[in-house]
C-alpha atoms as a PDB file:
ATOM      1  CA  UNK A   1       0.000   0.000   0.000  1.00  0.00           C
ATOM      2  CA  UNK A   2       1.479   3.399  -0.959  1.00  0.00           C
ATOM      3  CA  UNK A   3       2.539   5.819   1.741  1.00  0.00           C
ATOM      4  CA  UNK A   4       0.059   8.500   2.748  1.00  0.00           C
ATOM      5  CA  UNK A   5       0.710  12.082   1.686  1.00  0.00           C
ATOM      6  CA  UNK A   6       1.458  14.400   4.613  1.00  0.00           C
ATOM      7  CA  UNK A   7      -0.229  17.810   4.598  1.00  0.00           C
ATOM      8  CA  UNK A   8       1.333  20.239   7.083  1.00  0.00           C
ATOM      9  CA  UNK A   9      -0.364  23.555   7.728  1.00  0.00           C
ATOM     10  CA  UNK A  10      -1.118  26.352  10.164  1.00  0.00           C
ATOM     11  CA  UNK A  11      -4.749  27.362  10.607  1.00  0.00           C
ATOM     12  CA  UNK A  12      -3.716  30.998  10.103  1.00  0.00           C
ATOM     13  CA  UNK A  13      -2.351  30.328   6.601  1.00  0.00           C
ATOM     14  CA  UNK A  14      -4.591  31.468   3.711  1.00  0.00           C
ATOM     15  CA  UNK A  15      -2.665  29.357   1.225  1.00  0.00           C
ATOM     16  CA  UNK A  16      -3.308  26.323   3.429  1.00  0.00           C
ATOM     17  CA  UNK A  17      -7.023  27.107   3.155  1.00  0.00           C
ATOM     18  CA  UNK A  18      -6.806  26.975  -0.638  1.00  0.00           C
ATOM     19  CA  UNK A  19      -4.734  23.782  -0.611  1.00  0.00           C
ATOM     20  CA  UNK A  20      -7.040  22.095   1.907  1.00  0.00           C
ATOM     21  CA  UNK A  21      -9.918  22.531  -0.523  1.00  0.00           C
ATOM     22  CA  UNK A  22      -8.210  20.242  -3.050  1.00  0.00           C
ATOM     23  CA  UNK A  23      -5.559  18.066  -1.467  1.00  0.00           C
ATOM     24  CA  UNK A  24      -7.686  15.053  -0.463  1.00  0.00           C
ATOM     25  CA  UNK A  25      -9.415  14.730  -3.848  1.00  0.00           C
ATOM     26  CA  UNK A  26      -6.153  15.115  -5.684  1.00  0.00           C
ATOM     27  CA  UNK A  27      -4.207  12.415  -3.846  1.00  0.00           C
ATOM     28  CA  UNK A  28      -7.198  10.049  -3.882  1.00  0.00           C
ATOM     29  CA  UNK A  29      -6.946   9.964  -7.691  1.00  0.00           C
ATOM     30  CA  UNK A  30      -3.617   8.166  -7.232  1.00  0.00           C
ATOM     31  CA  UNK A  31      -4.785   5.707  -4.602  1.00  0.00           C
ATOM     32  CA  UNK A  32      -3.268   7.695  -1.735  1.00  0.00           C
ATOM     33  CA  UNK A  33      -4.653   8.916   1.551  1.00  0.00           C
ATOM     34  CA  UNK A  34      -3.727  12.261   3.065  1.00  0.00           C
ATOM     35  CA  UNK A  35      -2.701  12.878   6.665  1.00  0.00           C
ATOM     36  CA  UNK A  36      -3.587  16.357   7.855  1.00  0.00           C
ATOM     37  CA  UNK A  37      -1.023  17.693  10.320  1.00  0.00           C
ATOM     38  CA  UNK A  38      -1.565  21.162  11.772  1.00  0.00           C
ATOM     39  CA  UNK A  39       1.489  22.759  13.331  1.00  0.00           C
ATOM     40  CA  UNK A  40       2.544  26.058  14.854  1.00  0.00           C
ATOM     41  CA  UNK A  41       4.188  27.942  12.023  1.00  0.00           C
ATOM     42  CA  UNK A  42       5.598  30.551  14.389  1.00  0.00           C
ATOM     43  CA  UNK A  43       8.016  27.961  15.787  1.00  0.00           C
ATOM     44  CA  UNK A  44       9.371  27.258  12.302  1.00  0.00           C
ATOM     45  CA  UNK A  45       9.624  30.985  11.562  1.00  0.00           C
ATOM     46  CA  UNK A  46      11.795  31.462  14.623  1.00  0.00           C
ATOM     47  CA  UNK A  47      14.233  28.922  13.204  1.00  0.00           C
ATOM     48  CA  UNK A  48      14.292  30.478   9.735  1.00  0.00           C
ATOM     49  CA  UNK A  49      13.959  34.149  10.657  1.00  0.00           C
ATOM     50  CA  UNK A  50      10.917  34.473   8.412  1.00  0.00           C
ATOM     51  CA  UNK A  51       8.010  36.848   9.015  1.00  0.00           C
ATOM     52  CA  UNK A  52       4.385  36.668   7.860  1.00  0.00           C
ATOM     53  CA  UNK A  53       4.263  37.960   4.259  1.00  0.00           C
ATOM     54  CA  UNK A  54       1.322  40.225   5.056  1.00  0.00           C
ATOM     55  CA  UNK A  55       3.615  42.290   7.312  1.00  0.00           C
ATOM     56  CA  UNK A  56       6.168  42.924   4.558  1.00  0.00           C
ATOM     57  CA  UNK A  57       5.792  46.246   2.667  1.00  0.00           C
ATOM     58  CA  UNK A  58       4.554  45.881  -0.931  1.00  0.00           C
ATOM     59  CA  UNK A  59       4.457  42.084  -0.593  1.00  0.00           C
ATOM     60  CA  UNK A  60       1.668  42.407   1.958  1.00  0.00           C
ATOM     61  CA  UNK A  61      -0.568  44.230  -0.519  1.00  0.00           C
ATOM     62  CA  UNK A  62       0.211  41.639  -3.172  1.00  0.00           C
ATOM     63  CA  UNK A  63      -0.702  38.614  -1.069  1.00  0.00           C
ATOM     64  CA  UNK A  64      -3.968  40.197   0.071  1.00  0.00           C
ATOM     65  CA  UNK A  65      -4.970  40.624  -3.558  1.00  0.00           C
ATOM     66  CA  UNK A  66      -3.687  37.138  -4.395  1.00  0.00           C
ATOM     67  CA  UNK A  67      -5.793  35.546  -1.642  1.00  0.00           C
ATOM     68  CA  UNK A  68      -8.969  37.223  -2.862  1.00  0.00           C
ATOM     69  CA  UNK A  69      -8.100  36.265  -6.433  1.00  0.00           C
ATOM     70  CA  UNK A  70      -7.488  32.621  -5.524  1.00  0.00           C
ATOM     71  CA  UNK A  71     -10.771  32.483  -3.650  1.00  0.00           C
ATOM     72  CA  UNK A  72     -12.608  33.648  -6.775  1.00  0.00           C
ATOM     73  CA  UNK A  73     -10.687  31.174  -8.906  1.00  0.00           C
ATOM     74  CA  UNK A  74     -11.544  28.247  -6.613  1.00  0.00           C
ATOM     75  CA  UNK A  75     -15.070  29.506  -5.933  1.00  0.00           C
ATOM     76  CA  UNK A  76     -14.441  29.719  -2.195  1.00  0.00           C
ATOM     77  CA  UNK A  77     -15.838  32.245   0.236  1.00  0.00           C
ATOM     78  CA  UNK A  78     -13.293  34.844   1.274  1.00  0.00           C
ATOM     79  CA  UNK A  79     -13.277  37.533   3.929  1.00  0.00           C
ATOM     80  CA  UNK A  80      -9.951  39.057   4.956  1.00  0.00           C
ATOM     81  CA  UNK A  81      -9.803  38.299   8.685  1.00  0.00           C
ATOM     82  CA  UNK A  82      -9.153  40.999  11.239  1.00  0.00           C
ATOM     83  CA  UNK A  83      -7.105  40.424  13.331  1.00  0.00           C
ATOM     84  CA  UNK A  84      -4.633  38.589  11.126  1.00  0.00           C
ATOM     85  CA  UNK A  85      -2.491  36.582  11.601  1.00  0.00           C
ATOM     86  CA  UNK A  86      -3.682  34.935  14.811  1.00  0.00           C
ATOM     87  CA  UNK A  87      -2.509  32.354  17.331  1.00  0.00           C
ATOM     88  CA  UNK A  88      -3.823  28.917  16.369  1.00  0.00           C
ATOM     89  CA  UNK A  89      -2.758  26.893  19.385  1.00  0.00           C
ATOM     90  CA  UNK A  90      -6.300  26.059  20.489  1.00  0.00           C
ATOM     91  CA  UNK A  91      -7.470  25.077  16.997  1.00  0.00           C
ATOM     92  CA  UNK A  92      -4.468  22.803  16.448  1.00  0.00           C
ATOM     93  CA  UNK A  93      -4.677  21.162  19.882  1.00  0.00           C
ATOM     94  CA  UNK A  94      -8.327  20.273  19.378  1.00  0.00           C
ATOM     95  CA  UNK A  95      -7.615  18.876  15.911  1.00  0.00           C
ATOM     96  CA  UNK A  96      -5.254  16.286  17.386  1.00  0.00           C
ATOM     97  CA  UNK A  97      -7.677  15.503  20.206  1.00  0.00           C
ATOM     98  CA  UNK A  98     -10.428  14.800  17.653  1.00  0.00           C
ATOM     99  CA  UNK A  99      -8.029  13.004  15.312  1.00  0.00           C
ATOM    100  CA  UNK A 100      -7.242  10.524  18.061  1.00  0.00           C
ATOM    101  CA  UNK A 101     -10.898   9.537  18.032  1.00  0.00           C
ATOM    102  CA  UNK A 102     -12.070  10.001  14.448  1.00  0.00           C
ATOM    103  CA  UNK A 103      -9.771  11.138  11.628  1.00  0.00           C
ATOM    104  CA  UNK A 104     -12.697  11.958   9.349  1.00  0.00           C
ATOM    105  CA  UNK A 105     -14.279  14.257  11.919  1.00  0.00           C
ATOM    106  CA  UNK A 106     -10.888  15.871  12.549  1.00  0.00           C
ATOM    107  CA  UNK A 107     -10.640  16.855   8.885  1.00  0.00           C
ATOM    108  CA  UNK A 108     -14.217  18.122   8.863  1.00  0.00           C
ATOM    109  CA  UNK A 109     -13.450  20.177  11.964  1.00  0.00           C
ATOM    110  CA  UNK A 110     -10.271  21.548  10.372  1.00  0.00           C
ATOM    111  CA  UNK A 111     -12.113  22.606   7.237  1.00  0.00           C
ATOM    112  CA  UNK A 112     -14.782  24.257   9.381  1.00  0.00           C
ATOM    113  CA  UNK A 113     -12.041  26.209  11.168  1.00  0.00           C
ATOM    114  CA  UNK A 114     -10.631  27.360   7.817  1.00  0.00           C
ATOM    115  CA  UNK A 115     -14.074  28.305   6.500  1.00  0.00           C
ATOM    116  CA  UNK A 116     -14.935  30.196   9.677  1.00  0.00           C
ATOM    117  CA  UNK A 117     -11.678  32.153   9.681  1.00  0.00           C
ATOM    118  CA  UNK A 118     -11.189  32.859   5.987  1.00  0.00           C
ATOM    119  CA  UNK A 119     -14.703  32.399   4.618  1.00  0.00           C
ATOM    120  CA  UNK A 120     -16.489  34.382   7.324  1.00  0.00           C
ATOM    121  CA  UNK A 121     -13.584  36.409   8.685  1.00  0.00           C
ATOM    122  CA  UNK A 122     -14.246  35.306  12.275  1.00  0.00           C
ATOM    123  CA  UNK A 123     -11.395  35.016  14.783  1.00  0.00           C
ATOM    124  CA  UNK A 124     -10.800  31.358  15.754  1.00  0.00           C
ATOM    125  CA  UNK A 125      -7.994  31.918  18.243  1.00  0.00           C
ATOM    126  CA  UNK A 126     -10.088  31.405  21.387  1.00  0.00           C
ATOM    127  CA  UNK A 127     -10.803  28.053  23.005  1.00  0.00           C
ATOM    128  CA  UNK A 128     -14.488  28.909  23.156  1.00  0.00           C
ATOM    129  CA  UNK A 129     -14.712  29.496  19.404  1.00  0.00           C
ATOM    130  CA  UNK A 130     -13.013  26.236  18.438  1.00  0.00           C
ATOM    131  CA  UNK A 131     -15.109  24.391  21.013  1.00  0.00           C
ATOM    132  CA  UNK A 132     -18.231  25.658  19.260  1.00  0.00           C
ATOM    133  CA  UNK A 133     -16.811  24.528  15.915  1.00  0.00           C
ATOM    134  CA  UNK A 134     -15.957  21.095  17.316  1.00  0.00           C
ATOM    135  CA  UNK A 135     -19.475  20.833  18.707  1.00  0.00           C
ATOM    136  CA  UNK A 136     -20.749  20.774  15.124  1.00  0.00           C
ATOM    137  CA  UNK A 137     -18.939  17.430  14.794  1.00  0.00           C
ATOM    138  CA  UNK A 138     -20.823  16.052  17.800  1.00  0.00           C
ATOM    139  CA  UNK A 139     -18.368  16.808  20.602  1.00  0.00           C
ATOM    140  CA  UNK A 140     -19.513  18.362  23.871  1.00  0.00           C
ATOM    141  CA  UNK A 141     -18.087  21.850  24.294  1.00  0.00           C
ATOM    142  CA  UNK A 142     -17.127  21.194  27.907  1.00  0.00           C
ATOM    143  CA  UNK A 143     -15.105  18.158  26.810  1.00  0.00           C
ATOM    144  CA  UNK A 144     -13.388  20.200  24.119  1.00  0.00           C
ATOM    145  CA  UNK A 145     -12.485  22.982  26.544  1.00  0.00           C
ATOM    146  CA  UNK A 146     -11.051  20.452  28.966  1.00  0.00           C
ATOM    147  CA  UNK A 147      -9.054  18.777  26.199  1.00  0.00           C
ATOM    148  CA  UNK A 148      -7.558  22.103  25.192  1.00  0.00           C
ATOM    149  CA  UNK A 149      -5.880  22.345  28.600  1.00  0.00           C
ATOM    150  CA  UNK A 150      -4.952  18.683  28.824  1.00  0.00           C
ATOM    151  CA  UNK A 151      -1.185  18.149  29.190  1.00  0.00           C
ATOM    152  CA  UNK A 152      -1.142  15.182  26.822  1.00  0.00           C
ATOM    153  CA  UNK A 153      -2.938  17.187  24.120  1.00  0.00           C
ATOM    154  CA  UNK A 154      -0.555  20.097  24.595  1.00  0.00           C
ATOM    155  CA  UNK A 155       2.414  17.774  24.258  1.00  0.00           C
ATOM    156  CA  UNK A 156       0.967  16.163  21.138  1.00  0.00           C
ATOM    157  CA  UNK A 157       0.934  19.503  19.341  1.00  0.00           C
ATOM    158  CA  UNK A 158       4.456  20.305  20.501  1.00  0.00           C
ATOM    159  CA  UNK A 159       5.672  16.922  19.288  1.00  0.00           C
ATOM    160  CA  UNK A 160       3.986  17.272  15.895  1.00  0.00           C
ATOM    161  CA  UNK A 161       5.415  20.752  15.419  1.00  0.00           C
ATOM    162  CA  UNK A 162       8.918  19.584  16.354  1.00  0.00           C
ATOM    163  CA  UNK A 163       8.614  16.574  14.052  1.00  0.00           C
ATOM    164  CA  UNK A 164       7.491  18.810  11.181  1.00  0.00           C
ATOM    165  CA  UNK A 165      10.478  21.135  11.599  1.00  0.00           C
ATOM    166  CA  UNK A 166      12.790  18.125  11.799  1.00  0.00           C
ATOM    167  CA  UNK A 167      11.418  16.996   8.417  1.00  0.00           C
ATOM    168  CA  UNK A 168      12.242  20.378   6.890  1.00  0.00           C
ATOM    169  CA  UNK A 169       8.810  22.015   7.120  1.00  0.00           C
ATOM    170  CA  UNK A 170       9.254  25.783   7.209  1.00  0.00           C
ATOM    171  CA  UNK A 171       6.048  27.170   5.655  1.00  0.00           C
ATOM    172  CA  UNK A 172       2.356  26.512   5.197  1.00  0.00           C
ATOM    173  CA  UNK A 173       1.105  24.562   3.434  1.00  0.00           C
ATOM    174  CA  UNK A 174       3.918  22.040   3.164  1.00  0.00           C
ATOM    175  CA  UNK A 175       3.255  18.690   1.499  1.00  0.00           C
ATOM    176  CA  UNK A 176       5.494  15.643   1.797  1.00  0.00           C
ATOM    177  CA  UNK A 177       5.224  12.771  -0.689  1.00  0.00           C
ATOM    178  CA  UNK A 178       7.458   9.769  -0.031  1.00  0.00           C
ATOM    179  CA  UNK A 179       9.992  12.000   1.707  1.00  0.00           C
ATOM    180  CA  UNK A 180       9.920  14.735  -0.962  1.00  0.00           C
ATOM    181  CA  UNK A 181       8.778  18.143   0.283  1.00  0.00           C
ATOM    182  CA  UNK A 182       6.696  20.686  -1.648  1.00  0.00           C
ATOM    183  CA  UNK A 183       6.035  24.149  -0.210  1.00  0.00           C
ATOM    184  CA  UNK A 184       2.986  26.192  -1.102  1.00  0.00           C
ATOM    185  CA  UNK A 185      -0.474  25.819  -2.589  1.00  0.00           C
ATOM    186  CA  UNK A 186       1.058  26.733  -5.955  1.00  0.00           C
ATOM    187  CA  UNK A 187       2.983  23.438  -5.883  1.00  0.00           C
ATOM    188  CA  UNK A 188      -0.108  21.239  -6.018  1.00  0.00           C
ATOM    189  CA  UNK A 189       0.402  20.788  -9.758  1.00  0.00           C
ATOM    190  CA  UNK A 190       3.897  19.474  -9.057  1.00  0.00           C
ATOM    191  CA  UNK A 191       2.636  17.174  -6.298  1.00  0.00           C
ATOM    192  CA  UNK A 192       0.139  15.789  -8.780  1.00  0.00           C
ATOM    193  CA  UNK A 193       2.834  15.266 -11.397  1.00  0.00           C
ATOM    194  CA  UNK A 194       5.092  13.600  -8.817  1.00  0.00           C
ATOM    195  CA  UNK A 195       2.314  11.230  -7.758  1.00  0.00           C
ATOM    196  CA  UNK A 196       1.509  10.402 -11.365  1.00  0.00           C
ATOM    197  CA  UNK A 197       5.095   9.797 -12.470  1.00  0.00           C
ATOM    198  CA  UNK A 198       6.390   8.234  -9.278  1.00  0.00           C
ATOM    199  CA  UNK A 199       8.884  11.053  -8.952  1.00  0.00           C
ATOM    200  CA  UNK A 200      11.857  11.884 -11.107  1.00  0.00           C
ATOM    201  CA  UNK A 201      15.542  11.507 -10.457  1.00  0.00           C
ATOM    202  CA  UNK A 202      17.510  14.328  -8.875  1.00  0.00           C
ATOM    203  CA  UNK A 203      19.876  15.881 -11.343  1.00  0.00           C
ATOM    204  CA  UNK A 204      17.876  14.423 -14.199  1.00  0.00           C
ATOM    205  CA  UNK A 205      14.904  16.214 -15.672  1.00  0.00           C
ATOM    206  CA  UNK A 206      13.729  13.088 -17.463  1.00  0.00           C
ATOM    207  CA  UNK A 207      10.482  11.652 -16.176  1.00  0.00           C
ATOM    208  CA  UNK A 208      10.443   8.034 -15.090  1.00  0.00           C
ATOM    209  CA  UNK A 209       7.545   7.548 -17.491  1.00  0.00           C
ATOM    210  CA  UNK A 210       7.811   8.589 -21.116  1.00  0.00           C
ATOM    211  CA  UNK A 211       5.472  11.273 -22.343  1.00  0.00           C
ATOM    212  CA  UNK A 212       2.826  10.206 -24.823  1.00  0.00           C
ATOM    213  CA  UNK A 213       3.535  13.315 -26.876  1.00  0.00           C
ATOM    214  CA  UNK A 214       6.458  15.707 -27.041  1.00  0.00           C
ATOM    215  CA  UNK A 215       6.240  19.452 -27.600  1.00  0.00           C
ATOM    216  CA  UNK A 216       7.046  19.015 -31.301  1.00  0.00           C
ATOM    217  CA  UNK A 217       4.079  16.650 -31.624  1.00  0.00           C
ATOM    218  CA  UNK A 218       1.752  19.157 -29.964  1.00  0.00           C
ATOM    219  CA  UNK A 219       2.933  21.987 -32.205  1.00  0.00           C
ATOM    220  CA  UNK A 220       2.483  19.835 -35.322  1.00  0.00           C
ATOM    221  CA  UNK A 221      -1.043  18.947 -34.257  1.00  0.00           C
ATOM    222  CA  UNK A 222      -1.814  22.609 -33.647  1.00  0.00           C
ATOM    223  CA  UNK A 223      -0.428  23.712 -36.998  1.00  0.00           C
ATOM    224  CA  UNK A 224      -2.656  21.157 -38.712  1.00  0.00           C
ATOM    225  CA  UNK A 225      -5.839  22.815 -37.488  1.00  0.00           C
ATOM    226  CA  UNK A 226      -5.006  26.527 -37.221  1.00  0.00           C
ATOM    227  CA  UNK A 227      -4.414  29.097 -39.953  1.00  0.00           C
ATOM    228  CA  UNK A 228      -0.863  30.356 -40.442  1.00  0.00           C
ATOM    229  CA  UNK A 229      -0.275  33.398 -42.618  1.00  0.00           C
ATOM    230  CA  UNK A 230       3.107  34.060 -44.194  1.00  0.00           C
ATOM    231  CA  UNK A 231       5.650  36.357 -42.595  1.00  0.00           C
ATOM    232  CA  UNK A 232       5.576  38.565 -45.669  1.00  0.00           C
ATOM    233  CA  UNK A 233       1.791  38.873 -45.500  1.00  0.00           C
ATOM    234  CA  UNK A 234       1.930  39.734 -41.811  1.00  0.00           C
ATOM    235  CA  UNK A 235       4.474  42.510 -42.378  1.00  0.00           C
ATOM    236  CA  UNK A 236       2.540  43.869 -45.350  1.00  0.00           C
ATOM    237  CA  UNK A 237      -0.721  43.957 -43.406  1.00  0.00           C
ATOM    238  CA  UNK A 238       0.721  45.461 -40.237  1.00  0.00           C
ATOM    239  CA  UNK A 239      -1.246  48.574 -39.375  1.00  0.00           C
ATOM    240  CA  UNK A 240      -4.452  47.312 -40.945  1.00  0.00           C
ATOM    241  CA  UNK A 241      -7.503  48.227 -38.901  1.00  0.00           C
ATOM    242  CA  UNK A 242      -8.974  44.758 -39.243  1.00  0.00           C
ATOM    243  CA  UNK A 243      -5.993  43.048 -37.572  1.00  0.00           C
ATOM    244  CA  UNK A 244      -4.908  42.913 -33.939  1.00  0.00           C
ATOM    245  CA  UNK A 245      -1.395  41.602 -33.363  1.00  0.00           C
ATOM    246  CA  UNK A 246      -1.157  39.675 -30.078  1.00  0.00           C
ATOM    247  CA  UNK A 247       2.209  38.961 -28.454  1.00  0.00           C
ATOM    248  CA  UNK A 248       2.063  35.809 -26.272  1.00  0.00           C
ATOM    249  CA  UNK A 249       5.683  35.919 -25.078  1.00  0.00           C
ATOM    250  CA  UNK A 250       6.911  36.498 -21.557  1.00  0.00           C
ATOM    251  CA  UNK A 251       7.197  40.176 -20.626  1.00  0.00           C
ATOM    252  CA  UNK A 252      10.956  39.810 -20.162  1.00  0.00           C
ATOM    253  CA  UNK A 253      11.289  38.871 -23.824  1.00  0.00           C
ATOM    254  CA  UNK A 254       9.434  42.033 -24.807  1.00  0.00           C
ATOM    255  CA  UNK A 255      11.699  44.184 -22.653  1.00  0.00           C
ATOM    256  CA  UNK A 256      14.812  42.493 -24.027  1.00  0.00           C
ATOM    257  CA  UNK A 257      13.952  42.077 -27.721  1.00  0.00           C
ATOM    258  CA  UNK A 258      11.200  44.593 -28.408  1.00  0.00           C
ATOM    259  CA  UNK A 259       7.775  43.927 -29.913  1.00  0.00           C
ATOM    260  CA  UNK A 260       5.626  44.667 -32.936  1.00  0.00           C
ATOM    261  CA  UNK A 261       4.362  48.266 -32.732  1.00  0.00           C
ATOM    262  CA  UNK A 262       0.741  48.409 -31.603  1.00  0.00           C
ATOM    263  CA  UNK A 263       0.635  44.758 -30.561  1.00  0.00           C
ATOM    264  CA  UNK A 264      -1.353  43.769 -27.488  1.00  0.00           C
ATOM    265  CA  UNK A 265       0.614  41.761 -24.935  1.00  0.00           C
ATOM    266  CA  UNK A 266      -1.299  38.702 -23.697  1.00  0.00           C
ATOM    267  CA  UNK A 267       1.089  36.220 -22.042  1.00  0.00           C
ATOM    268  CA  UNK A 268       0.306  32.612 -22.786  1.00  0.00           C
ATOM    269  CA  UNK A 269      -0.363  31.864 -19.145  1.00  0.00           C
ATOM    270  CA  UNK A 270      -3.293  34.321 -19.014  1.00  0.00           C
ATOM    271  CA  UNK A 271      -4.717  34.621 -22.510  1.00  0.00           C
ATOM    272  CA  UNK A 272      -7.401  31.942 -22.008  1.00  0.00           C
ATOM    273  CA  UNK A 273      -8.758  33.929 -19.077  1.00  0.00           C
ATOM    274  CA  UNK A 274      -8.566  37.202 -21.005  1.00  0.00           C
ATOM    275  CA  UNK A 275     -10.546  36.016 -24.033  1.00  0.00           C
ATOM    276  CA  UNK A 276     -13.367  34.361 -22.059  1.00  0.00           C
ATOM    277  CA  UNK A 277     -16.256  36.824 -21.536  1.00  0.00           C
ATOM    278  CA  UNK A 278     -17.331  34.811 -18.471  1.00  0.00           C
ATOM    279  CA  UNK A 279     -13.935  35.184 -16.815  1.00  0.00           C
ATOM    280  CA  UNK A 280     -13.387  37.974 -14.267  1.00  0.00           C
ATOM    281  CA  UNK A 281     -10.158  38.731 -16.165  1.00  0.00           C
ATOM    282  CA  UNK A 282     -11.816  39.249 -19.571  1.00  0.00           C
ATOM    283  CA  UNK A 283     -10.185  41.947 -21.744  1.00  0.00           C
ATOM    284  CA  UNK A 284     -12.370  44.041 -24.025  1.00  0.00           C
ATOM    285  CA  UNK A 285      -9.690  44.001 -26.718  1.00  0.00           C
ATOM    286  CA  UNK A 286     -10.813  40.452 -27.530  1.00  0.00           C
ATOM    287  CA  UNK A 287     -14.493  41.359 -27.888  1.00  0.00           C
ATOM    288  CA  UNK A 288     -14.428  42.382 -31.560  1.00  0.00           C
ATOM    289  CA  UNK A 289     -15.643  39.535 -33.793  1.00  0.00           C
ATOM    290  CA  UNK A 290     -14.941  41.609 -36.905  1.00  0.00           C
ATOM    291  CA  UNK A 291     -11.202  41.673 -36.331  1.00  0.00           C
ATOM    292  CA  UNK A 292      -8.624  38.966 -36.922  1.00  0.00           C
ATOM    293  CA  UNK A 293      -6.230  38.301 -34.060  1.00  0.00           C
ATOM    294  CA  UNK A 294      -2.714  37.545 -35.277  1.00  0.00           C
ATOM    295  CA  UNK A 295      -0.754  35.698 -32.603  1.00  0.00           C
ATOM    296  CA  UNK A 296       3.015  35.557 -32.475  1.00  0.00           C
ATOM    297  CA  UNK A 297       5.873  34.448 -30.217  1.00  0.00           C
ATOM    298  CA  UNK A 298       9.609  34.084 -30.757  1.00  0.00           C
ATOM    299  CA  UNK A 299       9.523  31.112 -33.157  1.00  0.00           C
ATOM    300  CA  UNK A 300       5.838  30.312 -33.816  1.00  0.00           C
ATOM    301  CA  UNK A 301       5.637  27.400 -31.391  1.00  0.00           C
ATOM    302  CA  UNK A 302       3.842  28.985 -28.446  1.00  0.00           C
ATOM    303  CA  UNK A 303       1.665  30.996 -30.799  1.00  0.00           C
ATOM    304  CA  UNK A 304       0.594  27.790 -32.575  1.00  0.00           C
ATOM    305  CA  UNK A 305      -0.365  26.130 -29.296  1.00  0.00           C
ATOM    306  CA  UNK A 306      -2.199  29.251 -28.127  1.00  0.00           C
ATOM    307  CA  UNK A 307      -4.047  29.661 -31.412  1.00  0.00           C
ATOM    308  CA  UNK A 308      -5.260  26.067 -31.188  1.00  0.00           C
ATOM    309  CA  UNK A 309      -6.443  26.604 -27.609  1.00  0.00           C
ATOM    310  CA  UNK A 310      -8.396  29.721 -28.600  1.00  0.00           C
ATOM    311  CA  UNK A 311      -9.825  27.890 -31.602  1.00  0.00           C
ATOM    312  CA  UNK A 312     -10.916  25.071 -29.281  1.00  0.00           C
ATOM    313  CA  UNK A 313     -12.594  27.716 -27.100  1.00  0.00           C
ATOM    314  CA  UNK A 314     -14.611  28.893 -30.105  1.00  0.00           C
ATOM    315  CA  UNK A 315     -12.546  31.777 -31.504  1.00  0.00           C
ATOM    316  CA  UNK A 316     -12.489  31.319 -35.262  1.00  0.00           C
ATOM    317  CA  UNK A 317     -10.939  34.717 -35.975  1.00  0.00           C
ATOM    318  CA  UNK A 318      -7.445  33.843 -34.751  1.00  0.00           C
ATOM    319  CA  UNK A 319      -4.307  33.043 -36.789  1.00  0.00           C
ATOM    320  CA  UNK A 320      -0.565  33.078 -36.307  1.00  0.00           C
ATOM    321  CA  UNK A 321       2.182  34.207 -38.644  1.00  0.00           C
ATOM    322  CA  UNK A 322       4.977  31.891 -39.717  1.00  0.00           C
ATOM    323  CA  UNK A 323       8.417  31.729 -38.103  1.00  0.00           C
ATOM    324  CA  UNK A 324       7.759  34.181 -35.269  1.00  0.00           C
ATOM    325  CA  UNK A 325       9.131  37.499 -34.054  1.00  0.00           C
ATOM    326  CA  UNK A 326      12.784  36.596 -34.540  1.00  0.00           C
ATOM    327  CA  UNK A 327      12.139  36.146 -38.262  1.00  0.00           C
ATOM    328  CA  UNK A 328      10.045  39.361 -38.278  1.00  0.00           C
ATOM    329  CA  UNK A 329      13.054  41.340 -37.040  1.00  0.00           C
ATOM    330  CA  UNK A 330      15.442  39.648 -39.458  1.00  0.00           C
ATOM    331  CA  UNK A 331      13.075  40.492 -42.333  1.00  0.00           C
ATOM    332  CA  UNK A 332      13.094  44.158 -41.404  1.00  0.00           C
ATOM    333  CA  UNK A 333       9.623  44.322 -39.874  1.00  0.00           C
ATOM    334  CA  UNK A 334       8.974  47.344 -37.639  1.00  0.00           C
ATOM    335  CA  UNK A 335       9.965  46.932 -33.998  1.00  0.00           C
ATOM    336  CA  UNK A 336       9.080  48.992 -30.930  1.00  0.00           C
ATOM    337  CA  UNK A 337      10.874  48.913 -27.609  1.00  0.00           C
ATOM    338  CA  UNK A 338       8.996  48.089 -24.418  1.00  0.00           C
ATOM    339  CA  UNK A 339      10.404  49.774 -21.369  1.00  0.00           C
ATOM    340  CA  UNK A 340      10.635  47.796 -18.128  1.00  0.00           C
ATOM    341  CA  UNK A 341       8.476  48.977 -15.252  1.00  0.00           C
END
């Protein structure tokens, strides 16, 4: 039987809230169970010298926006708690007390704590609050309050926190798969890939399982179903009112190499969200059905893949031009410089 996946978290971690919404379903797809292990992140921060990101200038504003954005993306309730961050000793102690009796109820209790704190914005630092939450799982509040002050329960949390730090846990959420650690809710995709492939060797980027298709195969398939106009045609038609040139490269490429004058920058990682009228990130520039959107990248690989994706989404007025921006420059096509911000 495969080892369970370990999910370490602090109840005061927004990113743990987002990971907790998905982690059990994800690992179950690979025949794994998931052990939820709350810890006291402050103890790990003392060892590393880290501080809560919300307290860091500029970064604090970013993460607040990121949390609200992730909640919308995952369709989760979100209310920025105040106060924040909070002490989560009581919540974590009671988790382990419940877990010793019923692991399923412990997870339900933990999710309720997350939903109360981040979904409703209610402080869960007090023993009385977590006792009321635990009561929804059928536990008597008086028993919960007593357990919160029980020496064995206190020691259990201390031991779990120490064990987590000993394993290299320094942030929340932190996921361990067969001894391999992954930090952050944004590493769930990598956890999934690791579970699917059985890991990959250190120092070797090759997967233990061969891919069914390589990138060249995907590009060839895309080119077979999308329209590609010639480089010469693209240069000749530049400036036409019925065309919108769309640059799907990374912003650093634009700053380094320049871009086609008047082109709209839509990085490949966001363009699907920007063209979808139902997405909160929809861009009006993509609303004109009478225009043709001419996609390009450095060498016409990413633009081919993106054009196919947009075609699959229902956009028939999208093409790419052959050979990409590098060939555009070499052919003498007009180039504008993009200044870095």
